């Protein structure tokens, strides 16, 4: 199987979906053309917010395999603390 055949679909919680729609943030196709699928614990930064992959679900849509990535909730940069 090549990377082009695999559809990877990120799944956001309702609050983050609303934030993405409201701010018109474009969710990049991070894994397009990559031979390795994302792993649990991988972290994505989208529009200044950070999301971790919490679950992966393999499915088949009748013609191609797909991988749904269930992402953690995010926090705005100003809400993030380090230390």
PDB file of N, CA and C in Angstrom:
ATOM      1  N   UNK A   1       0.842  -1.173   0.000  1.00  0.00           N
ATOM      2  CA  UNK A   1       0.000   0.000   0.000  1.00  0.00           C
ATOM      3  C   UNK A   1       0.887   1.236   0.000  1.00  0.00           C
ATOM      4  N   UNK A   2       0.542   2.207  -0.793  1.00  0.00           N
ATOM      5  CA  UNK A   2       1.289   3.458  -0.821  1.00  0.00           C
ATOM      6  C   UNK A   2       0.603   4.485   0.064  1.00  0.00           C
ATOM      7  N   UNK A   3       1.344   5.527   0.425  1.00  0.00           N
ATOM      8  CA  UNK A   3       0.794   6.568   1.294  1.00  0.00           C
ATOM      9  C   UNK A   3      -0.369   7.295   0.627  1.00  0.00           C
ATOM     10  N   UNK A   4      -0.397   7.367  -0.700  1.00  0.00           N
ATOM     11  CA  UNK A   4      -1.467   8.072  -1.385  1.00  0.00           C
ATOM     12  C   UNK A   4      -2.805   7.335  -1.240  1.00  0.00           C
ATOM     13  N   UNK A   5      -2.786   6.007  -1.021  1.00  0.00           N
ATOM     14  CA  UNK A   5      -4.017   5.251  -0.891  1.00  0.00           C
ATOM     15  C   UNK A   5      -4.655   5.417   0.484  1.00  0.00           C
ATOM     16  N   UNK A   6      -3.872   5.756   1.484  1.00  0.00           N
ATOM     17  CA  UNK A   6      -4.363   5.866   2.850  1.00  0.00           C
ATOM     18  C   UNK A   6      -4.933   7.252   3.103  1.00  0.00           C
ATOM     19  N   UNK A   7      -6.174   7.297   3.557  1.00  0.00           N
ATOM     20  CA  UNK A   7      -6.806   8.566   3.932  1.00  0.00           C
ATOM     21  C   UNK A   7      -6.666   8.717   5.439  1.00  0.00           C
ATOM     22  N   UNK A   8      -6.102   9.838   5.887  1.00  0.00           N
ATOM     23  CA  UNK A   8      -5.950  10.113   7.309  1.00  0.00           C
ATOM     24  C   UNK A   8      -6.869  11.275   7.663  1.00  0.00           C
ATOM     25  N   UNK A   9      -7.779  11.019   8.612  1.00  0.00           N
ATOM     26  CA  UNK A   9      -8.802  11.998   8.963  1.00  0.00           C
ATOM     27  C   UNK A   9      -8.646  12.383  10.433  1.00  0.00           C
ATOM     28  N   UNK A  10      -8.262  13.630  10.727  1.00  0.00           N
ATOM     29  CA  UNK A  10      -8.196  14.054  12.123  1.00  0.00           C
ATOM     30  C   UNK A  10      -9.602  14.323  12.662  1.00  0.00           C
ATOM     31  N   UNK A  11      -9.847  13.901  13.904  1.00  0.00           N
ATOM     32  CA  UNK A  11     -11.144  14.084  14.542  1.00  0.00           C
ATOM     33  C   UNK A  11     -10.947  14.972  15.773  1.00  0.00           C
ATOM     34  N   UNK A  12     -11.601  16.124  15.770  1.00  0.00           N
ATOM     35  CA  UNK A  12     -11.489  17.107  16.846  1.00  0.00           C
ATOM     36  C   UNK A  12     -12.744  17.069  17.719  1.00  0.00           C
ATOM     37  N   UNK A  13     -12.624  17.497  18.976  1.00  0.00           N
ATOM     38  CA  UNK A  13     -13.816  17.589  19.823  1.00  0.00           C
ATOM     39  C   UNK A  13     -14.654  18.788  19.360  1.00  0.00           C
ATOM     40  N   UNK A  14     -15.869  18.908  19.895  1.00  0.00           N
ATOM     41  CA  UNK A  14     -16.811  19.935  19.425  1.00  0.00           C
ATOM     42  C   UNK A  14     -16.279  21.353  19.617  1.00  0.00           C
ATOM     43  N   UNK A  15     -15.629  21.630  20.753  1.00  0.00           N
ATOM     44  CA  UNK A  15     -15.101  22.978  21.000  1.00  0.00           C
ATOM     45  C   UNK A  15     -14.012  23.335  19.992  1.00  0.00           C
ATOM     46  N   UNK A  16     -13.127  22.390  19.706  1.00  0.00           N
ATOM     47  CA  UNK A  16     -12.053  22.664  18.749  1.00  0.00           C
ATOM     48  C   UNK A  16     -12.582  22.761  17.321  1.00  0.00           C
ATOM     49  N   UNK A  17     -13.597  21.969  16.980  1.00  0.00           N
ATOM     50  CA  UNK A  17     -14.222  22.099  15.657  1.00  0.00           C
ATOM     51  C   UNK A  17     -14.810  23.492  15.493  1.00  0.00           C
ATOM     52  N   UNK A  18     -15.471  24.001  16.529  1.00  0.00           N
ATOM     53  CA  UNK A  18     -16.047  25.346  16.471  1.00  0.00           C
ATOM     54  C   UNK A  18     -14.944  26.390  16.326  1.00  0.00           C
ATOM     55  N   UNK A  19     -13.843  26.238  17.051  1.00  0.00           N
ATOM     56  CA  UNK A  19     -12.713  27.170  16.952  1.00  0.00           C
ATOM     57  C   UNK A  19     -12.136  27.158  15.533  1.00  0.00           C
ATOM     58  N   UNK A  20     -11.984  25.981  14.940  1.00  0.00           N
ATOM     59  CA  UNK A  20     -11.443  25.871  13.582  1.00  0.00           C
ATOM     60  C   UNK A  20     -12.367  26.584  12.589  1.00  0.00           C
ATOM     61  N   UNK A  21     -13.675  26.374  12.713  1.00  0.00           N
ATOM     62  CA  UNK A  21     -14.625  27.049  11.817  1.00  0.00           C
ATOM     63  C   UNK A  21     -14.622  28.557  12.035  1.00  0.00           C
ATOM     64  N   UNK A  22     -14.647  28.982  13.296  1.00  0.00           N
ATOM     65  CA  UNK A  22     -14.727  30.405  13.635  1.00  0.00           C
ATOM     66  C   UNK A  22     -13.498  31.174  13.153  1.00  0.00           C
ATOM     67  N   UNK A  23     -12.322  30.598  13.301  1.00  0.00           N
ATOM     68  CA  UNK A  23     -11.087  31.295  12.939  1.00  0.00           C
ATOM     69  C   UNK A  23     -10.626  30.968  11.520  1.00  0.00           C
ATOM     70  N   UNK A  24     -11.321  30.070  10.846  1.00  0.00           N
ATOM     71  CA  UNK A  24     -10.982  29.657   9.475  1.00  0.00           C
ATOM     72  C   UNK A  24      -9.547  29.135   9.364  1.00  0.00           C
ATOM     73  N   UNK A  25      -9.130  28.390  10.389  1.00  0.00           N
ATOM     74  CA  UNK A  25      -7.803  27.775  10.370  1.00  0.00           C
ATOM     75  C   UNK A  25      -7.817  26.612   9.394  1.00  0.00           C
ATOM     76  N   UNK A  26      -6.819  26.546   8.550  1.00  0.00           N
ATOM     77  CA  UNK A  26      -6.702  25.426   7.615  1.00  0.00           C
ATOM     78  C   UNK A  26      -5.935  24.296   8.292  1.00  0.00           C
ATOM     79  N   UNK A  27      -6.530  23.116   8.315  1.00  0.00           N
ATOM     80  CA  UNK A  27      -5.864  21.945   8.889  1.00  0.00           C
ATOM     81  C   UNK A  27      -5.005  21.322   7.782  1.00  0.00           C
ATOM     82  N   UNK A  28      -3.677  21.381   7.937  1.00  0.00           N
ATOM     83  CA  UNK A  28      -2.792  20.851   6.895  1.00  0.00           C
ATOM     84  C   UNK A  28      -2.910  19.336   6.762  1.00  0.00           C
ATOM     85  N   UNK A  29      -2.555  18.830   5.619  1.00  0.00           N
ATOM     86  CA  UNK A  29      -2.520  17.388   5.384  1.00  0.00           C
ATOM     87  C   UNK A  29      -1.113  16.916   5.736  1.00  0.00           C
ATOM     88  N   UNK A  30      -0.855  16.802   7.048  1.00  0.00           N
ATOM     89  CA  UNK A  30       0.481  16.527   7.561  1.00  0.00           C
ATOM     90  C   UNK A  30       1.140  15.300   6.937  1.00  0.00           C
ATOM     91  N   UNK A  31       0.368  14.236   6.708  1.00  0.00           N
ATOM     92  CA  UNK A  31       0.974  12.968   6.296  1.00  0.00           C
ATOM     93  C   UNK A  31       0.850  12.692   4.811  1.00  0.00           C
ATOM     94  N   UNK A  32       0.424  13.646   4.038  1.00  0.00           N
ATOM     95  CA  UNK A  32       0.280  13.427   2.604  1.00  0.00           C
ATOM     96  C   UNK A  32       1.647  13.113   2.007  1.00  0.00           C
ATOM     97  N   UNK A  33       1.756  11.975   1.351  1.00  0.00           N
ATOM     98  CA  UNK A  33       2.997  11.583   0.708  1.00  0.00           C
ATOM     99  C   UNK A  33       3.993  10.885   1.614  1.00  0.00           C
ATOM    100  N   UNK A  34       3.666  10.718   2.891  1.00  0.00           N
ATOM    101  CA  UNK A  34       4.568  10.026   3.815  1.00  0.00           C
ATOM    102  C   UNK A  34       4.244   8.540   3.826  1.00  0.00           C
ATOM    103  N   UNK A  35       5.249   7.728   3.998  1.00  0.00           N
ATOM    104  CA  UNK A  35       5.065   6.280   4.002  1.00  0.00           C
ATOM    105  C   UNK A  35       4.695   5.743   5.384  1.00  0.00           C
ATOM    106  N   UNK A  36       4.861   6.552   6.434  1.00  0.00           N
ATOM    107  CA  UNK A  36       4.619   6.093   7.800  1.00  0.00           C
ATOM    108  C   UNK A  36       3.409   6.816   8.377  1.00  0.00           C
ATOM    109  N   UNK A  37       2.462   6.049   8.903  1.00  0.00           N
ATOM    110  CA  UNK A  37       1.271   6.642   9.515  1.00  0.00           C
ATOM    111  C   UNK A  37       1.618   7.208  10.894  1.00  0.00           C
ATOM    112  N   UNK A  38       0.866   8.190  11.376  1.00  0.00           N
ATOM    113  CA  UNK A  38       1.120   8.782  12.686  1.00  0.00           C
ATOM    114  C   UNK A  38       0.897   7.771  13.811  1.00  0.00           C
ATOM    115  N   UNK A  39       1.560   8.016  14.942  1.00  0.00           N
ATOM    116  CA  UNK A  39       1.485   7.114  16.092  1.00  0.00           C
ATOM    117  C   UNK A  39       0.780   7.790  17.261  1.00  0.00           C
ATOM    118  N   UNK A  40       0.321   6.972  18.191  1.00  0.00           N
ATOM    119  CA  UNK A  40      -0.250   7.517  19.428  1.00  0.00           C
ATOM    120  C   UNK A  40       0.784   8.392  20.109  1.00  0.00           C
ATOM    121  N   UNK A  41       0.340   9.526  20.626  1.00  0.00           N
ATOM    122  CA  UNK A  41       1.239  10.428  21.321  1.00  0.00           C
ATOM    123  C   UNK A  41       1.897  11.463  20.422  1.00  0.00           C
ATOM    124  N   UNK A  42       1.833  11.280  19.100  1.00  0.00           N
ATOM    125  CA  UNK A  42       2.353  12.320  18.211  1.00  0.00           C
ATOM    126  C   UNK A  42       1.589  13.610  18.481  1.00  0.00           C
ATOM    127  N   UNK A  43       2.265  14.736  18.315  1.00  0.00           N
ATOM    128  CA  UNK A  43       1.664  16.035  18.620  1.00  0.00           C
ATOM    129  C   UNK A  43       1.613  16.882  17.349  1.00  0.00           C
ATOM    130  N   UNK A  44       0.478  17.543  17.140  1.00  0.00           N
ATOM    131  CA  UNK A  44       0.283  18.436  16.003  1.00  0.00           C
ATOM    132  C   UNK A  44       0.109  19.857  16.515  1.00  0.00           C
ATOM    133  N   UNK A  45       0.669  20.812  15.800  1.00  0.00           N
ATOM    134  CA  UNK A  45       0.414  22.218  16.103  1.00  0.00           C
ATOM    135  C   UNK A  45      -0.350  22.803  14.923  1.00  0.00           C
ATOM    136  N   UNK A  46      -1.532  23.313  15.234  1.00  0.00           N
ATOM    137  CA  UNK A  46      -2.417  23.870  14.211  1.00  0.00           C
ATOM    138  C   UNK A  46      -2.892  25.227  14.694  1.00  0.00           C
ATOM    139  N   UNK A  47      -2.606  26.255  13.945  1.00  0.00           N
ATOM    140  CA  UNK A  47      -3.077  27.595  14.277  1.00  0.00           C
ATOM    141  C   UNK A  47      -2.652  28.078  15.648  1.00  0.00           C
ATOM    142  N   UNK A  48      -1.465  27.673  16.103  1.00  0.00           N
ATOM    143  CA  UNK A  48      -0.974  28.102  17.397  1.00  0.00           C
ATOM    144  C   UNK A  48      -1.478  27.271  18.564  1.00  0.00           C
ATOM    145  N   UNK A  49      -2.184  26.203  18.285  1.00  0.00           N
ATOM    146  CA  UNK A  49      -2.669  25.313  19.339  1.00  0.00           C
ATOM    147  C   UNK A  49      -2.052  23.931  19.153  1.00  0.00           C
ATOM    148  N   UNK A  50      -1.979  23.187  20.235  1.00  0.00           N
ATOM    149  CA  UNK A  50      -1.332  21.886  20.211  1.00  0.00           C
ATOM    150  C   UNK A  50      -2.357  20.788  20.482  1.00  0.00           C
ATOM    151  N   UNK A  51      -2.268  19.704  19.696  1.00  0.00           N
ATOM    152  CA  UNK A  51      -3.168  18.559  19.812  1.00  0.00           C
ATOM    153  C   UNK A  51      -2.320  17.294  19.855  1.00  0.00           C
ATOM    154  N   UNK A  52      -2.660  16.363  20.727  1.00  0.00           N
ATOM    155  CA  UNK A  52      -1.969  15.078  20.789  1.00  0.00           C
ATOM    156  C   UNK A  52      -2.896  13.995  20.247  1.00  0.00           C
ATOM    157  N   UNK A  53      -2.324  13.012  19.568  1.00  0.00           N
ATOM    158  CA  UNK A  53      -3.114  11.891  19.060  1.00  0.00           C
ATOM    159  C   UNK A  53      -3.382  10.956  20.236  1.00  0.00           C
ATOM    160  N   UNK A  54      -4.658  10.811  20.593  1.00  0.00           N
ATOM    161  CA  UNK A  54      -5.047   9.979  21.732  1.00  0.00           C
ATOM    162  C   UNK A  54      -5.531   8.600  21.322  1.00  0.00           C
ATOM    163  N   UNK A  55      -6.049   8.470  20.101  1.00  0.00           N
ATOM    164  CA  UNK A  55      -6.543   7.171  19.631  1.00  0.00           C
ATOM    165  C   UNK A  55      -6.461   7.125  18.110  1.00  0.00           C
ATOM    166  N   UNK A  56      -6.282   5.906  17.594  1.00  0.00           N
ATOM    167  CA  UNK A  56      -6.267   5.675  16.148  1.00  0.00           C
ATOM    168  C   UNK A  56      -7.285   4.581  15.843  1.00  0.00           C
ATOM    169  N   UNK A  57      -8.118   4.809  14.840  1.00  0.00           N
ATOM    170  CA  UNK A  57      -9.120   3.817  14.453  1.00  0.00           C
ATOM    171  C   UNK A  57      -8.987   3.562  12.963  1.00  0.00           C
ATOM    172  N   UNK A  58      -8.696   2.315  12.608  1.00  0.00           N
ATOM    173  CA  UNK A  58      -8.595   1.921  11.209  1.00  0.00           C
ATOM    174  C   UNK A  58      -9.977   1.540  10.704  1.00  0.00           C
ATOM    175  N   UNK A  59     -10.346   2.030   9.530  1.00  0.00           N
ATOM    176  CA  UNK A  59     -11.627   1.720   8.905  1.00  0.00           C
ATOM    177  C   UNK A  59     -11.388   1.473   7.418  1.00  0.00           C
ATOM    178  N   UNK A  60     -12.440   1.047   6.743  1.00  0.00           N
ATOM    179  CA  UNK A  60     -12.381   0.888   5.293  1.00  0.00           C
ATOM    180  C   UNK A  60     -13.676   1.443   4.728  1.00  0.00           C
ATOM    181  N   UNK A  61     -13.574   2.340   3.745  1.00  0.00           N
ATOM    182  CA  UNK A  61     -14.769   3.004   3.209  1.00  0.00           C
ATOM    183  C   UNK A  61     -15.351   2.282   1.995  1.00  0.00           C
ATOM    184  N   UNK A  62     -14.925   1.061   1.747  1.00  0.00           N
ATOM    185  CA  UNK A  62     -15.421   0.301   0.610  1.00  0.00           C
ATOM    186  C   UNK A  62     -14.476   0.313  -0.564  1.00  0.00           C
ATOM    187  N   UNK A  63     -13.599   1.308  -0.625  1.00  0.00           N
ATOM    188  CA  UNK A  63     -12.622   1.350  -1.714  1.00  0.00           C
ATOM    189  C   UNK A  63     -11.197   1.559  -1.204  1.00  0.00           C
ATOM    190  N   UNK A  64     -11.049   2.296  -0.117  1.00  0.00           N
ATOM    191  CA  UNK A  64      -9.717   2.600   0.411  1.00  0.00           C
ATOM    192  C   UNK A  64      -9.703   2.494   1.940  1.00  0.00           C
ATOM    193  N   UNK A  65      -8.543   2.176   2.518  1.00  0.00           N
ATOM    194  CA  UNK A  65      -8.440   2.209   3.977  1.00  0.00           C
ATOM    195  C   UNK A  65      -8.389   3.655   4.473  1.00  0.00           C
ATOM    196  N   UNK A  66      -8.916   3.878   5.661  1.00  0.00           N
ATOM    197  CA  UNK A  66      -8.772   5.192   6.272  1.00  0.00           C
ATOM    198  C   UNK A  66      -8.413   5.046   7.735  1.00  0.00           C
ATOM    199  N   UNK A  67      -7.697   6.050   8.207  1.00  0.00           N
ATOM    200  CA  UNK A  67      -7.238   6.081   9.585  1.00  0.00           C
ATOM    201  C   UNK A  67      -7.782   7.343  10.227  1.00  0.00           C
ATOM    202  N   UNK A  68      -8.657   7.164  11.217  1.00  0.00           N
ATOM    203  CA  UNK A  68      -9.185   8.314  11.959  1.00  0.00           C
ATOM    204  C   UNK A  68      -8.291   8.544  13.170  1.00  0.00           C
ATOM    205  N   UNK A  69      -7.858   9.793  13.320  1.00  0.00           N
ATOM    206  CA  UNK A  69      -7.023  10.177  14.450  1.00  0.00           C
ATOM    207  C   UNK A  69      -7.859  10.997  15.418  1.00  0.00           C
ATOM    208  N   UNK A  70      -8.082  10.484  16.604  1.00  0.00           N
ATOM    209  CA  UNK A  70      -8.831  11.213  17.618  1.00  0.00           C
ATOM    210  C   UNK A  70      -7.844  12.042  18.425  1.00  0.00           C
ATOM    211  N   UNK A  71      -8.042  13.361  18.383  1.00  0.00           N
ATOM    212  CA  UNK A  71      -7.090  14.298  18.961  1.00  0.00           C
ATOM    213  C   UNK A  71      -7.566  14.818  20.306  1.00  0.00           C
ATOM    214  N   UNK A  72      -6.609  15.152  21.151  1.00  0.00           N
ATOM    215  CA  UNK A  72      -6.918  15.735  22.454  1.00  0.00           C
ATOM    216  C   UNK A  72      -7.499  17.126  22.275  1.00  0.00           C
ATOM    217  N   UNK A  73      -8.094  17.640  23.340  1.00  0.00           N
ATOM    218  CA  UNK A  73      -8.524  19.028  23.332  1.00  0.00           C
ATOM    219  C   UNK A  73      -7.312  19.941  23.322  1.00  0.00           C
ATOM    220  N   UNK A  74      -7.501  21.149  22.862  1.00  0.00           N
ATOM    221  CA  UNK A  74      -6.370  22.071  22.755  1.00  0.00           C
ATOM    222  C   UNK A  74      -6.520  23.222  23.723  1.00  0.00           C
ATOM    223  N   UNK A  75      -5.449  23.983  23.822  1.00  0.00           N
ATOM    224  CA  UNK A  75      -5.456  25.214  24.597  1.00  0.00           C
ATOM    225  C   UNK A  75      -4.760  26.278  23.770  1.00  0.00           C
ATOM    226  N   UNK A  76      -5.235  27.502  23.890  1.00  0.00           N
ATOM    227  CA  UNK A  76      -4.568  28.614  23.208  1.00  0.00           C
ATOM    228  C   UNK A  76      -3.185  28.813  23.817  1.00  0.00           C
ATOM    229  N   UNK A  77      -2.283  29.422  23.077  1.00  0.00           N
ATOM    230  CA  UNK A  77      -0.931  29.661  23.568  1.00  0.00           C
ATOM    231  C   UNK A  77      -0.920  30.393  24.897  1.00  0.00           C
ATOM    232  N   UNK A  78      -1.832  31.354  25.080  1.00  0.00           N
ATOM    233  CA  UNK A  78      -1.835  32.137  26.317  1.00  0.00           C
ATOM    234  C   UNK A  78      -2.279  31.298  27.515  1.00  0.00           C
ATOM    235  N   UNK A  79      -2.940  30.166  27.282  1.00  0.00           N
ATOM    236  CA  UNK A  79      -3.388  29.290  28.367  1.00  0.00           C
ATOM    237  C   UNK A  79      -2.326  28.250  28.740  1.00  0.00           C
ATOM    238  N   UNK A  80      -1.281  28.139  27.961  1.00  0.00           N
ATOM    239  CA  UNK A  80      -0.280  27.103  28.168  1.00  0.00           C
ATOM    240  C   UNK A  80       0.785  27.580  29.142  1.00  0.00           C
ATOM    241  N   UNK A  81       1.095  26.734  30.114  1.00  0.00           N
ATOM    242  CA  UNK A  81       2.159  27.064  31.051  1.00  0.00           C
ATOM    243  C   UNK A  81       3.219  25.971  31.014  1.00  0.00           C
ATOM    244  N   UNK A  82       4.442  26.346  31.225  1.00  0.00           N
ATOM    245  CA  UNK A  82       5.552  25.399  31.259  1.00  0.00           C
ATOM    246  C   UNK A  82       6.203  25.486  32.613  1.00  0.00           C
ATOM    247  N   UNK A  83       6.617  24.344  33.149  1.00  0.00           N
ATOM    248  CA  UNK A  83       7.359  24.398  34.398  1.00  0.00           C
ATOM    249  C   UNK A  83       7.028  23.339  35.372  1.00  0.00           C
TER     250      UNK A  83
END
